[in-house]
Amino acid sequence: MERTDTAELLSAELKSRLERCSTLPSLPAVAVRVLNLCQSEDLDLKQIADAICQDPALSAKVLRLVNSPAFGLRQEVRTVPHALALLGLNAVRTLALSFSLVRDLRKGQQSGLLLYWKRSIVAAVAARELALALRFAAPDEAFLAALLQDIGILALGRVAGREYEELAGRAGDDHEQLAALEKAAFGADHADVGGWMVATWKLPRPLCQAVAHSHRDDPSRDEQLPQEVRTLAGIVRVAALVADIWVRTEPGPCATLAREVAIPTLGFNPMSFEQILTKTAASVPHVAALFDLQMGTAEEITGILEQATETLVMVSFRASRQIESAREALDNLQAKARV
């Protein structure tokens, strides 16, 4: 078995606790039906469209998202079969899974998960924008992988109960601290657990591996992962850091960290990365509304980005000044050496 198999990331004890938990999040019936049809040898697009259309609320959300500014299509899409023809099977399947999963997971959820859902939605939007900018072959798979990257938080919350609530309370809104505390308490963090969980749902293997490796410092450099997975995991990793701009209390440092990771991990230059932040901010209100989540007004979302951008500009200015000072010092040394 490969080292990258998601089951290997969990201890036998934790895996047993997860398997015994009767309240773990599960795939809704419509998602199971769509997945089974997509994996069938006799692929029938009409059956897939019919399965989605049997859930009117779900099909309406898929069409609203496809027609939103986030997709930027030049023609209106009026039916699910039209969406399938225009966007392809993978995109429509992914959107249907996204909406049905979030809807079912939010039913009867405990309070205190608003931050979780905000981060998940913004990360999903950012992942799609990053994937499009990179011309990654499956931008909608990036959307779903980023949406699900923290699903392990819900699983650990249901398995460990009050113990996990106390742990999460100590971490506050610091996601990296949360992962470190999880490692100390359970021997695995929520990315490890999430990767295992989505694998049990029989979602595509690259997506499962990307979720499992989304907390690695730079998954794009892990040569034991296939190139497709490395790119996808890198996108998910950066998308999560982008999401922190809108969910943590200090957007400036979050933006700086996201850019510092995005440049070596995905090869973006500062200007192209800031364009992605702008596109993410523009799309978030539309997508969040479709998931019945209030992220604030478009003006508030843009205002947070402006704060973050100011910090990026200042950091870039200081860096350029330091380079300039270093060059002047070098010039002075060389001039003295010639005397």
C-alpha atoms as a PDB file:
ATOM      1  CA  MET A   1       0.000   0.000   0.000  1.00  0.00           C
ATOM      2  CA  GLU A   2       1.315   3.476  -0.835  1.00  0.00           C
ATOM      3  CA  ARG A   3       2.424   5.786   1.931  1.00  0.00           C
ATOM      4  CA  THR A   4      -0.066   8.289   0.566  1.00  0.00           C
ATOM      5  CA  ASP A   5      -3.045   6.024   1.278  1.00  0.00           C
ATOM      6  CA  THR A   6      -5.297   8.095   3.527  1.00  0.00           C
ATOM      7  CA  ALA A   7      -5.942   5.194   5.933  1.00  0.00           C
ATOM      8  CA  GLU A   8      -2.241   5.089   6.858  1.00  0.00           C
ATOM      9  CA  LEU A   9      -2.393   8.609   8.265  1.00  0.00           C
ATOM     10  CA  LEU A  10      -4.560   7.451  11.207  1.00  0.00           C
ATOM     11  CA  SER A  11      -3.643   5.311  14.196  1.00  0.00           C
ATOM     12  CA  ALA A  12      -5.558   2.057  14.648  1.00  0.00           C
ATOM     13  CA  GLU A  13      -7.178   3.472  17.800  1.00  0.00           C
ATOM     14  CA  LEU A  14      -8.457   6.653  16.132  1.00  0.00           C
ATOM     15  CA  LYS A  15      -9.611   4.767  13.044  1.00  0.00           C
ATOM     16  CA  SER A  16     -11.550   2.379  15.296  1.00  0.00           C
ATOM     17  CA  ARG A  17     -13.190   5.284  17.150  1.00  0.00           C
ATOM     18  CA  LEU A  18     -14.233   6.843  13.850  1.00  0.00           C
ATOM     19  CA  GLU A  19     -15.624   3.583  12.492  1.00  0.00           C
ATOM     20  CA  ARG A  20     -17.665   3.021  15.657  1.00  0.00           C
ATOM     21  CA  CYS A  21     -19.152   6.535  15.637  1.00  0.00           C
ATOM     22  CA  SER A  22     -22.781   6.349  14.471  1.00  0.00           C
ATOM     23  CA  THR A  23     -23.106  10.118  13.955  1.00  0.00           C
ATOM     24  CA  LEU A  24     -20.245  10.688  11.497  1.00  0.00           C
ATOM     25  CA  PRO A  25     -21.186  12.865   8.496  1.00  0.00           C
ATOM     26  CA  SER A  26     -22.353  10.741   5.578  1.00  0.00           C
ATOM     27  CA  LEU A  27     -23.132  11.282   1.924  1.00  0.00           C
ATOM     28  CA  PRO A  28     -26.765  12.262   1.259  1.00  0.00           C
ATOM     29  CA  ALA A  29     -28.837   9.913  -0.896  1.00  0.00           C
ATOM     30  CA  VAL A  30     -28.810  12.166  -3.956  1.00  0.00           C
ATOM     31  CA  ALA A  31     -25.012  12.410  -3.804  1.00  0.00           C
ATOM     32  CA  VAL A  32     -24.684   8.626  -3.572  1.00  0.00           C
ATOM     33  CA  ARG A  33     -27.008   8.230  -6.559  1.00  0.00           C
ATOM     34  CA  VAL A  34     -25.083  10.763  -8.670  1.00  0.00           C
ATOM     35  CA  LEU A  35     -21.714   9.225  -7.753  1.00  0.00           C
ATOM     36  CA  ASN A  36     -22.886   5.704  -8.591  1.00  0.00           C
ATOM     37  CA  LEU A  37     -24.233   6.847 -11.947  1.00  0.00           C
ATOM     38  CA  CYS A  38     -20.998   8.682 -12.740  1.00  0.00           C
ATOM     39  CA  GLN A  39     -18.944   5.575 -11.939  1.00  0.00           C
ATOM     40  CA  SER A  40     -21.179   3.272 -13.978  1.00  0.00           C
ATOM     41  CA  GLU A  41     -19.655   1.604 -17.035  1.00  0.00           C
ATOM     42  CA  ASP A  42     -22.794   2.521 -19.004  1.00  0.00           C
ATOM     43  CA  LEU A  43     -22.598   6.259 -18.356  1.00  0.00           C
ATOM     44  CA  ASP A  44     -25.948   7.895 -19.065  1.00  0.00           C
ATOM     45  CA  LEU A  45     -25.984  11.695 -18.850  1.00  0.00           C
ATOM     46  CA  LYS A  46     -29.780  11.785 -18.936  1.00  0.00           C
ATOM     47  CA  GLN A  47     -29.985   9.586 -15.838  1.00  0.00           C
ATOM     48  CA  ILE A  48     -27.521  11.841 -14.037  1.00  0.00           C
ATOM     49  CA  ALA A  49     -29.488  14.951 -14.982  1.00  0.00           C
ATOM     50  CA  ASP A  50     -32.718  13.231 -13.869  1.00  0.00           C
ATOM     51  CA  ALA A  51     -31.154  12.276 -10.506  1.00  0.00           C
ATOM     52  CA  ILE A  52     -30.196  15.899  -9.832  1.00  0.00           C
ATOM     53  CA  CYS A  53     -33.560  17.208 -11.051  1.00  0.00           C
ATOM     54  CA  GLN A  54     -35.415  14.907  -8.639  1.00  0.00           C
ATOM     55  CA  ASP A  55     -34.197  17.302  -5.966  1.00  0.00           C
ATOM     56  CA  PRO A  56     -35.652  20.638  -7.186  1.00  0.00           C
ATOM     57  CA  ALA A  57     -33.871  22.736  -4.567  1.00  0.00           C
ATOM     58  CA  LEU A  58     -30.546  21.141  -5.473  1.00  0.00           C
ATOM     59  CA  SER A  59     -30.949  21.576  -9.235  1.00  0.00           C
ATOM     60  CA  ALA A  60     -32.048  25.195  -8.721  1.00  0.00           C
ATOM     61  CA  LYS A  61     -28.890  25.934  -6.709  1.00  0.00           C
ATOM     62  CA  VAL A  62     -26.672  24.300  -9.336  1.00  0.00           C
ATOM     63  CA  LEU A  63     -28.246  26.439 -12.070  1.00  0.00           C
ATOM     64  CA  ARG A  64     -28.035  29.625  -9.998  1.00  0.00           C
ATOM     65  CA  LEU A  65     -24.332  29.058  -9.375  1.00  0.00           C
ATOM     66  CA  VAL A  66     -23.624  28.209 -13.013  1.00  0.00           C
ATOM     67  CA  ASN A  67     -25.347  31.459 -14.034  1.00  0.00           C
ATOM     68  CA  SER A  68     -23.638  33.563 -11.349  1.00  0.00           C
ATOM     69  CA  PRO A  69     -20.723  35.958 -11.967  1.00  0.00           C
ATOM     70  CA  ALA A  70     -18.441  33.318 -10.432  1.00  0.00           C
ATOM     71  CA  PHE A  71     -18.716  31.314 -13.667  1.00  0.00           C
ATOM     72  CA  GLY A  72     -18.851  34.242 -16.068  1.00  0.00           C
ATOM     73  CA  LEU A  73     -20.706  32.341 -18.802  1.00  0.00           C
ATOM     74  CA  ARG A  74     -21.875  34.346 -21.808  1.00  0.00           C
ATOM     75  CA  GLN A  75     -25.157  32.494 -22.205  1.00  0.00           C
ATOM     76  CA  GLU A  76     -27.839  31.632 -19.661  1.00  0.00           C
ATOM     77  CA  VAL A  77     -28.062  27.985 -18.612  1.00  0.00           C
ATOM     78  CA  ARG A  78     -31.700  27.044 -18.036  1.00  0.00           C
ATOM     79  CA  THR A  79     -31.644  23.285 -17.439  1.00  0.00           C
ATOM     80  CA  VAL A  80     -29.386  20.691 -15.807  1.00  0.00           C
ATOM     81  CA  PRO A  81     -28.916  18.837 -19.150  1.00  0.00           C
ATOM     82  CA  HIS A  82     -27.801  22.156 -20.668  1.00  0.00           C
ATOM     83  CA  ALA A  83     -25.341  22.622 -17.786  1.00  0.00           C
ATOM     84  CA  LEU A  84     -24.004  19.105 -18.380  1.00  0.00           C
ATOM     85  CA  ALA A  85     -23.549  19.804 -22.087  1.00  0.00           C
ATOM     86  CA  LEU A  86     -21.885  23.174 -21.497  1.00  0.00           C
ATOM     87  CA  LEU A  87     -19.717  22.506 -18.426  1.00  0.00           C
ATOM     88  CA  GLY A  88     -19.181  18.764 -18.575  1.00  0.00           C
ATOM     89  CA  LEU A  89     -20.028  15.895 -16.276  1.00  0.00           C
ATOM     90  CA  ASN A  90     -17.295  16.478 -13.686  1.00  0.00           C
ATOM     91  CA  ALA A  91     -18.231  20.110 -13.052  1.00  0.00           C
ATOM     92  CA  VAL A  92     -21.952  19.453 -12.615  1.00  0.00           C
ATOM     93  CA  ARG A  93     -21.305  16.339 -10.503  1.00  0.00           C
ATOM     94  CA  THR A  94     -19.008  18.311  -8.231  1.00  0.00           C
ATOM     95  CA  LEU A  95     -21.487  21.164  -7.791  1.00  0.00           C
ATOM     96  CA  ALA A  96     -24.325  18.737  -7.006  1.00  0.00           C
ATOM     97  CA  LEU A  97     -22.150  16.980  -4.419  1.00  0.00           C
ATOM     98  CA  SER A  98     -21.116  20.303  -2.889  1.00  0.00           C
ATOM     99  CA  PHE A  99     -24.641  21.622  -2.398  1.00  0.00           C
ATOM    100  CA  SER A 100     -26.168  18.348  -1.197  1.00  0.00           C
ATOM    101  CA  LEU A 101     -23.328  17.720   1.268  1.00  0.00           C
ATOM    102  CA  VAL A 102     -23.370  21.171   2.817  1.00  0.00           C
ATOM    103  CA  ARG A 103     -27.162  21.158   3.073  1.00  0.00           C
ATOM    104  CA  ASP A 104     -27.210  17.825   4.909  1.00  0.00           C
ATOM    105  CA  LEU A 105     -24.221  18.601   7.117  1.00  0.00           C
ATOM    106  CA  ARG A 106     -25.722  21.891   8.272  1.00  0.00           C
ATOM    107  CA  LYS A 107     -29.015  20.263   9.306  1.00  0.00           C
ATOM    108  CA  GLY A 108     -29.251  20.263  13.072  1.00  0.00           C
ATOM    109  CA  GLN A 109     -25.625  21.354  13.440  1.00  0.00           C
ATOM    110  CA  GLN A 110     -24.432  22.606  16.773  1.00  0.00           C
ATOM    111  CA  SER A 111     -23.850  26.310  17.230  1.00  0.00           C
ATOM    112  CA  GLY A 112     -20.311  27.582  16.873  1.00  0.00           C
ATOM    113  CA  LEU A 113     -19.724  26.246  13.355  1.00  0.00           C
ATOM    114  CA  LEU A 114     -20.339  29.509  11.517  1.00  0.00           C
ATOM    115  CA  LEU A 115     -16.581  30.125  11.311  1.00  0.00           C
ATOM    116  CA  TYR A 116     -16.097  26.619   9.932  1.00  0.00           C
ATOM    117  CA  TRP A 117     -18.583  27.164   7.115  1.00  0.00           C
ATOM    118  CA  LYS A 118     -17.310  30.639   6.280  1.00  0.00           C
ATOM    119  CA  ARG A 119     -13.785  29.320   5.919  1.00  0.00           C
ATOM    120  CA  SER A 120     -14.945  26.345   3.845  1.00  0.00           C
ATOM    121  CA  ILE A 121     -16.975  28.444   1.388  1.00  0.00           C
ATOM    122  CA  VAL A 122     -14.314  31.124   0.899  1.00  0.00           C
ATOM    123  CA  ALA A 123     -11.630  28.443   0.473  1.00  0.00           C
ATOM    124  CA  ALA A 124     -13.765  26.699  -2.161  1.00  0.00           C
ATOM    125  CA  VAL A 125     -14.234  29.935  -4.129  1.00  0.00           C
ATOM    126  CA  ALA A 126     -10.530  30.771  -3.850  1.00  0.00           C
ATOM    127  CA  ALA A 127      -9.522  27.252  -4.930  1.00  0.00           C
ATOM    128  CA  ARG A 128     -11.563  27.530  -8.101  1.00  0.00           C
ATOM    129  CA  GLU A 129     -10.027  30.928  -8.903  1.00  0.00           C
ATOM    130  CA  LEU A 130      -6.525  29.588  -8.254  1.00  0.00           C
ATOM    131  CA  ALA A 131      -7.202  26.526 -10.424  1.00  0.00           C
ATOM    132  CA  LEU A 132      -8.524  28.661 -13.285  1.00  0.00           C
ATOM    133  CA  ALA A 133      -5.479  30.932 -13.114  1.00  0.00           C
ATOM    134  CA  LEU A 134      -3.195  27.880 -13.235  1.00  0.00           C
ATOM    135  CA  ARG A 135      -5.290  26.325 -16.026  1.00  0.00           C
ATOM    136  CA  PHE A 136      -5.674  23.258 -13.829  1.00  0.00           C
ATOM    137  CA  ALA A 137      -7.744  20.639 -15.626  1.00  0.00           C
ATOM    138  CA  ALA A 138     -10.405  20.262 -12.912  1.00  0.00           C
ATOM    139  CA  PRO A 139     -11.221  23.628 -11.263  1.00  0.00           C
ATOM    140  CA  ASP A 140     -14.496  22.301  -9.874  1.00  0.00           C
ATOM    141  CA  GLU A 141     -12.730  19.382  -8.225  1.00  0.00           C
ATOM    142  CA  ALA A 142     -10.486  21.994  -6.584  1.00  0.00           C
ATOM    143  CA  PHE A 143     -13.686  23.733  -5.394  1.00  0.00           C
ATOM    144  CA  LEU A 144     -14.975  20.523  -3.778  1.00  0.00           C
ATOM    145  CA  ALA A 145     -11.603  19.547  -2.296  1.00  0.00           C
ATOM    146  CA  ALA A 146     -11.258  22.957  -0.631  1.00  0.00           C
ATOM    147  CA  LEU A 147     -14.873  22.827   0.550  1.00  0.00           C
ATOM    148  CA  LEU A 148     -14.195  19.453   2.219  1.00  0.00           C
ATOM    149  CA  GLN A 149     -10.650  20.011   3.451  1.00  0.00           C
ATOM    150  CA  ASP A 150     -11.850  20.686   7.019  1.00  0.00           C
ATOM    151  CA  ILE A 151     -14.545  17.979   7.121  1.00  0.00           C
ATOM    152  CA  GLY A 152     -12.342  16.182   9.662  1.00  0.00           C
ATOM    153  CA  ILE A 153     -13.206  18.932  12.161  1.00  0.00           C
ATOM    154  CA  LEU A 154     -16.838  17.817  12.100  1.00  0.00           C
ATOM    155  CA  ALA A 155     -15.798  14.171  12.431  1.00  0.00           C
ATOM    156  CA  LEU A 156     -13.468  14.769  15.379  1.00  0.00           C
ATOM    157  CA  GLY A 157     -16.120  16.917  17.024  1.00  0.00           C
ATOM    158  CA  ARG A 158     -18.609  14.065  16.876  1.00  0.00           C
ATOM    159  CA  VAL A 159     -16.109  11.406  17.977  1.00  0.00           C
ATOM    160  CA  ALA A 160     -14.447  13.319  20.814  1.00  0.00           C
ATOM    161  CA  GLY A 161     -17.306  15.594  21.898  1.00  0.00           C
ATOM    162  CA  ARG A 162     -16.453  17.923  24.781  1.00  0.00           C
ATOM    163  CA  GLU A 163     -12.760  17.020  24.624  1.00  0.00           C
ATOM    164  CA  TYR A 164     -12.630  18.373  21.086  1.00  0.00           C
ATOM    165  CA  GLU A 165     -14.700  21.457  21.936  1.00  0.00           C
ATOM    166  CA  GLU A 166     -12.187  22.374  24.647  1.00  0.00           C
ATOM    167  CA  LEU A 167      -9.297  21.788  22.261  1.00  0.00           C
ATOM    168  CA  ALA A 168     -10.898  23.945  19.553  1.00  0.00           C
ATOM    169  CA  GLY A 169     -11.608  26.639  22.120  1.00  0.00           C
ATOM    170  CA  ARG A 170      -7.906  26.788  22.996  1.00  0.00           C
ATOM    171  CA  ALA A 171      -7.004  27.206  19.317  1.00  0.00           C
ATOM    172  CA  GLY A 172      -9.509  30.033  18.721  1.00  0.00           C
ATOM    173  CA  ASP A 173      -9.379  31.142  15.098  1.00  0.00           C
ATOM    174  CA  ASP A 174      -5.776  29.934  14.623  1.00  0.00           C
ATOM    175  CA  HIS A 175      -6.123  27.032  12.195  1.00  0.00           C
ATOM    176  CA  GLU A 176      -2.475  25.961  12.365  1.00  0.00           C
ATOM    177  CA  GLN A 177      -2.664  25.864  16.159  1.00  0.00           C
ATOM    178  CA  LEU A 178      -5.815  23.736  15.924  1.00  0.00           C
ATOM    179  CA  ALA A 179      -4.025  21.189  13.722  1.00  0.00           C
ATOM    180  CA  ALA A 180      -1.067  21.064  16.123  1.00  0.00           C
ATOM    181  CA  LEU A 181      -3.350  20.477  19.124  1.00  0.00           C
ATOM    182  CA  GLU A 182      -5.191  17.730  17.212  1.00  0.00           C
ATOM    183  CA  LYS A 183      -1.899  15.998  16.416  1.00  0.00           C
ATOM    184  CA  ALA A 184      -0.928  16.086  20.082  1.00  0.00           C
ATOM    185  CA  ALA A 185      -4.306  14.773  21.278  1.00  0.00           C
ATOM    186  CA  PHE A 186      -5.214  12.233  18.574  1.00  0.00           C
ATOM    187  CA  GLY A 187      -2.008  11.515  16.670  1.00  0.00           C
ATOM    188  CA  ALA A 188      -3.597  12.975  13.519  1.00  0.00           C
ATOM    189  CA  ASP A 189      -5.061  16.316  12.498  1.00  0.00           C
ATOM    190  CA  HIS A 190      -8.389  17.061  10.823  1.00  0.00           C
ATOM    191  CA  ALA A 191      -6.813  16.889   7.355  1.00  0.00           C
ATOM    192  CA  ASP A 192      -5.736  13.285   8.017  1.00  0.00           C
ATOM    193  CA  VAL A 193      -9.213  12.435   9.307  1.00  0.00           C
ATOM    194  CA  GLY A 194     -10.901  14.269   6.435  1.00  0.00           C
ATOM    195  CA  GLY A 195      -8.852  12.401   3.853  1.00  0.00           C
ATOM    196  CA  TRP A 196      -9.862   9.090   5.393  1.00  0.00           C
ATOM    197  CA  MET A 197     -13.509  10.133   5.560  1.00  0.00           C
ATOM    198  CA  VAL A 198     -13.909  11.245   1.959  1.00  0.00           C
ATOM    199  CA  ALA A 199     -12.121   8.053   0.894  1.00  0.00           C
ATOM    200  CA  THR A 200     -14.834   6.034   2.686  1.00  0.00           C
ATOM    201  CA  TRP A 201     -17.358   7.979   0.601  1.00  0.00           C
ATOM    202  CA  LYS A 202     -15.538   6.702  -2.516  1.00  0.00           C
ATOM    203  CA  LEU A 203     -14.870  10.180  -3.856  1.00  0.00           C
ATOM    204  CA  PRO A 204     -12.150  10.428  -6.541  1.00  0.00           C
ATOM    205  CA  ARG A 205      -8.745   9.365  -5.207  1.00  0.00           C
ATOM    206  CA  PRO A 206      -6.909  12.602  -6.162  1.00  0.00           C
ATOM    207  CA  LEU A 207      -9.491  14.599  -4.192  1.00  0.00           C
ATOM    208  CA  CYS A 208      -9.115  12.326  -1.144  1.00  0.00           C
ATOM    209  CA  GLN A 209      -5.340  12.623  -1.221  1.00  0.00           C
ATOM    210  CA  ALA A 210      -5.502  16.398  -1.677  1.00  0.00           C
ATOM    211  CA  VAL A 211      -7.723  16.721   1.412  1.00  0.00           C
ATOM    212  CA  ALA A 212      -5.417  14.455   3.434  1.00  0.00           C
ATOM    213  CA  HIS A 213      -2.308  16.413   2.455  1.00  0.00           C
ATOM    214  CA  SER A 214      -3.811  19.905   2.630  1.00  0.00           C
ATOM    215  CA  HIS A 215      -1.955  20.739   5.862  1.00  0.00           C
ATOM    216  CA  ARG A 216       1.489  19.833   4.550  1.00  0.00           C
ATOM    217  CA  ASP A 217       3.766  22.875   4.346  1.00  0.00           C
ATOM    218  CA  ASP A 218       4.236  22.458   0.596  1.00  0.00           C
ATOM    219  CA  PRO A 219       2.436  19.413  -0.813  1.00  0.00           C
ATOM    220  CA  SER A 220       3.430  20.492  -4.321  1.00  0.00           C
ATOM    221  CA  ARG A 221       6.984  19.280  -3.563  1.00  0.00           C
ATOM    222  CA  ASP A 222       6.014  15.816  -2.294  1.00  0.00           C
ATOM    223  CA  GLU A 223       7.432  13.587  -5.027  1.00  0.00           C
ATOM    224  CA  GLN A 224       5.639  10.533  -3.633  1.00  0.00           C
ATOM    225  CA  LEU A 225       2.343  12.091  -4.746  1.00  0.00           C
ATOM    226  CA  PRO A 226       1.237  12.074  -8.396  1.00  0.00           C
ATOM    227  CA  GLN A 227       1.681  15.455 -10.094  1.00  0.00           C
ATOM    228  CA  GLU A 228      -2.091  15.948 -10.372  1.00  0.00           C
ATOM    229  CA  VAL A 229      -2.473  15.457  -6.623  1.00  0.00           C
ATOM    230  CA  ARG A 230       0.480  17.702  -5.814  1.00  0.00           C
ATOM    231  CA  THR A 231      -1.041  20.569  -7.779  1.00  0.00           C
ATOM    232  CA  LEU A 232      -4.513  20.008  -6.330  1.00  0.00           C
ATOM    233  CA  ALA A 233      -3.199  19.770  -2.751  1.00  0.00           C
ATOM    234  CA  GLY A 234      -1.149  22.938  -3.286  1.00  0.00           C
ATOM    235  CA  ILE A 235      -4.237  24.768  -4.529  1.00  0.00           C
ATOM    236  CA  VAL A 236      -6.253  23.609  -1.509  1.00  0.00           C
ATOM    237  CA  ARG A 237      -3.462  24.602   0.873  1.00  0.00           C
ATOM    238  CA  VAL A 238      -3.200  28.132  -0.539  1.00  0.00           C
ATOM    239  CA  ALA A 239      -6.996  28.499  -0.779  1.00  0.00           C
ATOM    240  CA  ALA A 240      -7.311  27.831   2.958  1.00  0.00           C
ATOM    241  CA  LEU A 241      -4.788  30.563   3.727  1.00  0.00           C
ATOM    242  CA  VAL A 242      -6.699  32.935   1.441  1.00  0.00           C
ATOM    243  CA  ALA A 243      -9.906  32.116   3.333  1.00  0.00           C
ATOM    244  CA  ASP A 244      -8.252  33.170   6.595  1.00  0.00           C
ATOM    245  CA  ILE A 245      -8.183  36.743   5.256  1.00  0.00           C
ATOM    246  CA  TRP A 246     -11.969  36.854   5.718  1.00  0.00           C
ATOM    247  CA  VAL A 247     -12.404  34.704   8.831  1.00  0.00           C
ATOM    248  CA  ARG A 248      -9.564  35.759  11.138  1.00  0.00           C
ATOM    249  CA  THR A 249      -9.384  39.051  13.005  1.00  0.00           C
ATOM    250  CA  GLU A 250      -6.209  40.340  11.312  1.00  0.00           C
ATOM    251  CA  PRO A 251      -6.591  40.143   7.509  1.00  0.00           C
ATOM    252  CA  GLY A 252      -3.231  41.775   6.729  1.00  0.00           C
ATOM    253  CA  PRO A 253      -0.899  39.111   8.181  1.00  0.00           C
ATOM    254  CA  CYS A 254      -3.155  36.405   6.699  1.00  0.00           C
ATOM    255  CA  ALA A 255      -2.811  37.927   3.225  1.00  0.00           C
ATOM    256  CA  THR A 256       0.953  38.172   3.634  1.00  0.00           C
ATOM    257  CA  LEU A 257       1.232  34.507   4.635  1.00  0.00           C
ATOM    258  CA  ALA A 258      -1.057  33.404   1.791  1.00  0.00           C
ATOM    259  CA  ARG A 259       1.089  35.258  -0.741  1.00  0.00           C
ATOM    260  CA  GLU A 260       4.327  33.922   0.770  1.00  0.00           C
ATOM    261  CA  VAL A 261       3.036  30.364   0.360  1.00  0.00           C
ATOM    262  CA  ALA A 262       1.370  30.874  -3.036  1.00  0.00           C
ATOM    263  CA  ILE A 263       4.466  32.197  -4.800  1.00  0.00           C
ATOM    264  CA  PRO A 264       6.733  29.132  -4.254  1.00  0.00           C
ATOM    265  CA  THR A 265       3.932  26.548  -4.057  1.00  0.00           C
ATOM    266  CA  LEU A 266       1.956  27.515  -7.161  1.00  0.00           C
ATOM    267  CA  GLY A 267       4.371  29.827  -8.973  1.00  0.00           C
ATOM    268  CA  PHE A 268       2.288  33.013  -8.799  1.00  0.00           C
ATOM    269  CA  ASN A 269       3.851  36.441  -8.946  1.00  0.00           C
ATOM    270  CA  PRO A 270       2.552  39.062  -6.458  1.00  0.00           C
ATOM    271  CA  MET A 271       0.418  40.913  -9.008  1.00  0.00           C
ATOM    272  CA  SER A 272      -1.370  37.825 -10.354  1.00  0.00           C
ATOM    273  CA  PHE A 273      -2.001  36.621  -6.802  1.00  0.00           C
ATOM    274  CA  GLU A 274      -3.631  39.903  -5.829  1.00  0.00           C
ATOM    275  CA  GLN A 275      -5.878  39.621  -8.905  1.00  0.00           C
ATOM    276  CA  ILE A 276      -7.046  36.243  -7.585  1.00  0.00           C
ATOM    277  CA  LEU A 277      -7.859  37.820  -4.222  1.00  0.00           C
ATOM    278  CA  THR A 278      -9.960  40.454  -6.007  1.00  0.00           C
ATOM    279  CA  LYS A 279     -11.856  37.809  -8.015  1.00  0.00           C
ATOM    280  CA  THR A 280     -12.420  35.746  -4.874  1.00  0.00           C
ATOM    281  CA  ALA A 281     -13.853  38.749  -3.020  1.00  0.00           C
ATOM    282  CA  ALA A 282     -16.221  39.448  -5.936  1.00  0.00           C
ATOM    283  CA  SER A 283     -17.514  35.856  -6.088  1.00  0.00           C
ATOM    284  CA  VAL A 284     -17.847  35.095  -2.369  1.00  0.00           C
ATOM    285  CA  PRO A 285     -21.162  36.946  -1.737  1.00  0.00           C
ATOM    286  CA  HIS A 286     -22.914  35.120  -4.618  1.00  0.00           C
ATOM    287  CA  VAL A 287     -21.616  31.665  -3.692  1.00  0.00           C
ATOM    288  CA  ALA A 288     -22.179  32.124   0.058  1.00  0.00           C
ATOM    289  CA  ALA A 289     -25.795  33.140  -0.582  1.00  0.00           C
ATOM    290  CA  LEU A 290     -26.379  29.916  -2.527  1.00  0.00           C
ATOM    291  CA  PHE A 291     -25.132  27.952   0.477  1.00  0.00           C
ATOM    292  CA  ASP A 292     -27.468  30.002   2.723  1.00  0.00           C
ATOM    293  CA  LEU A 293     -24.517  31.546   4.513  1.00  0.00           C
ATOM    294  CA  GLN A 294     -24.226  35.225   5.373  1.00  0.00           C
ATOM    295  CA  MET A 295     -20.677  36.448   4.788  1.00  0.00           C
ATOM    296  CA  GLY A 296     -21.527  40.147   4.969  1.00  0.00           C
ATOM    297  CA  THR A 297     -22.253  42.620   2.220  1.00  0.00           C
ATOM    298  CA  ALA A 298     -20.138  42.930  -0.898  1.00  0.00           C
ATOM    299  CA  GLU A 299     -18.836  46.238   0.495  1.00  0.00           C
ATOM    300  CA  GLU A 300     -17.790  44.592   3.779  1.00  0.00           C
ATOM    301  CA  ILE A 301     -16.032  41.755   1.952  1.00  0.00           C
ATOM    302  CA  THR A 302     -14.220  44.227  -0.297  1.00  0.00           C
ATOM    303  CA  GLY A 303     -13.348  46.361   2.723  1.00  0.00           C
ATOM    304  CA  ILE A 304     -11.590  43.428   4.391  1.00  0.00           C
ATOM    305  CA  LEU A 305      -9.635  42.793   1.197  1.00  0.00           C
ATOM    306  CA  GLU A 306      -8.605  46.463   1.049  1.00  0.00           C
ATOM    307  CA  GLN A 307      -7.196  46.195   4.579  1.00  0.00           C
ATOM    308  CA  ALA A 308      -5.279  43.084   3.567  1.00  0.00           C
ATOM    309  CA  THR A 309      -4.002  44.687   0.365  1.00  0.00           C
ATOM    310  CA  GLU A 310      -2.671  47.687   2.286  1.00  0.00           C
ATOM    311  CA  THR A 311      -0.555  45.299   4.334  1.00  0.00           C
ATOM    312  CA  LEU A 312       0.683  43.525   1.199  1.00  0.00           C
ATOM    313  CA  VAL A 313       1.717  46.869  -0.296  1.00  0.00           C
ATOM    314  CA  MET A 314       3.581  47.846   2.885  1.00  0.00           C
ATOM    315  CA  VAL A 315       5.341  44.475   3.076  1.00  0.00           C
ATOM    316  CA  SER A 316       6.364  44.755  -0.582  1.00  0.00           C
ATOM    317  CA  PHE A 317       7.592  48.322  -0.002  1.00  0.00           C
ATOM    318  CA  ARG A 318       9.694  47.305   3.010  1.00  0.00           C
ATOM    319  CA  ALA A 319      11.132  44.371   1.077  1.00  0.00           C
ATOM    320  CA  SER A 320      12.099  46.591  -1.853  1.00  0.00           C
ATOM    321  CA  ARG A 321      13.700  49.113   0.541  1.00  0.00           C
ATOM    322  CA  GLN A 322      15.711  46.325   2.180  1.00  0.00           C
ATOM    323  CA  ILE A 323      16.907  45.141  -1.237  1.00  0.00           C
ATOM    324  CA  GLU A 324      17.808  48.698  -2.185  1.00  0.00           C
ATOM    325  CA  SER A 325      19.720  49.194   1.094  1.00  0.00           C
ATOM    326  CA  ALA A 326      21.563  45.919   0.596  1.00  0.00           C
ATOM    327  CA  ARG A 327      22.569  46.950  -2.923  1.00  0.00           C
ATOM    328  CA  GLU A 328      23.803  50.345  -1.674  1.00  0.00           C
ATOM    329  CA  ALA A 329      25.842  48.638   1.040  1.00  0.00           C
ATOM    330  CA  LEU A 330      27.338  46.259  -1.527  1.00  0.00           C
ATOM    331  CA  ASP A 331      28.166  49.148  -3.859  1.00  0.00           C
ATOM    332  CA  ASN A 332      29.897  50.979  -1.006  1.00  0.00           C
ATOM    333  CA  LEU A 333      31.953  47.905  -0.110  1.00  0.00           C
ATOM    334  CA  GLN A 334      32.981  47.410  -3.727  1.00  0.00           C
ATOM    335  CA  ALA A 335      33.904  51.101  -4.041  1.00  0.00           C
ATOM    336  CA  LYS A 336      36.093  50.876  -0.908  1.00  0.00           C
ATOM    337  CA  ALA A 337      37.724  47.715  -2.212  1.00  0.00           C
ATOM    338  CA  ARG A 338      38.741  49.522  -5.400  1.00  0.00           C
ATOM    339  CA  VAL A 339      40.366  52.422  -3.528  1.00  0.00           C
END
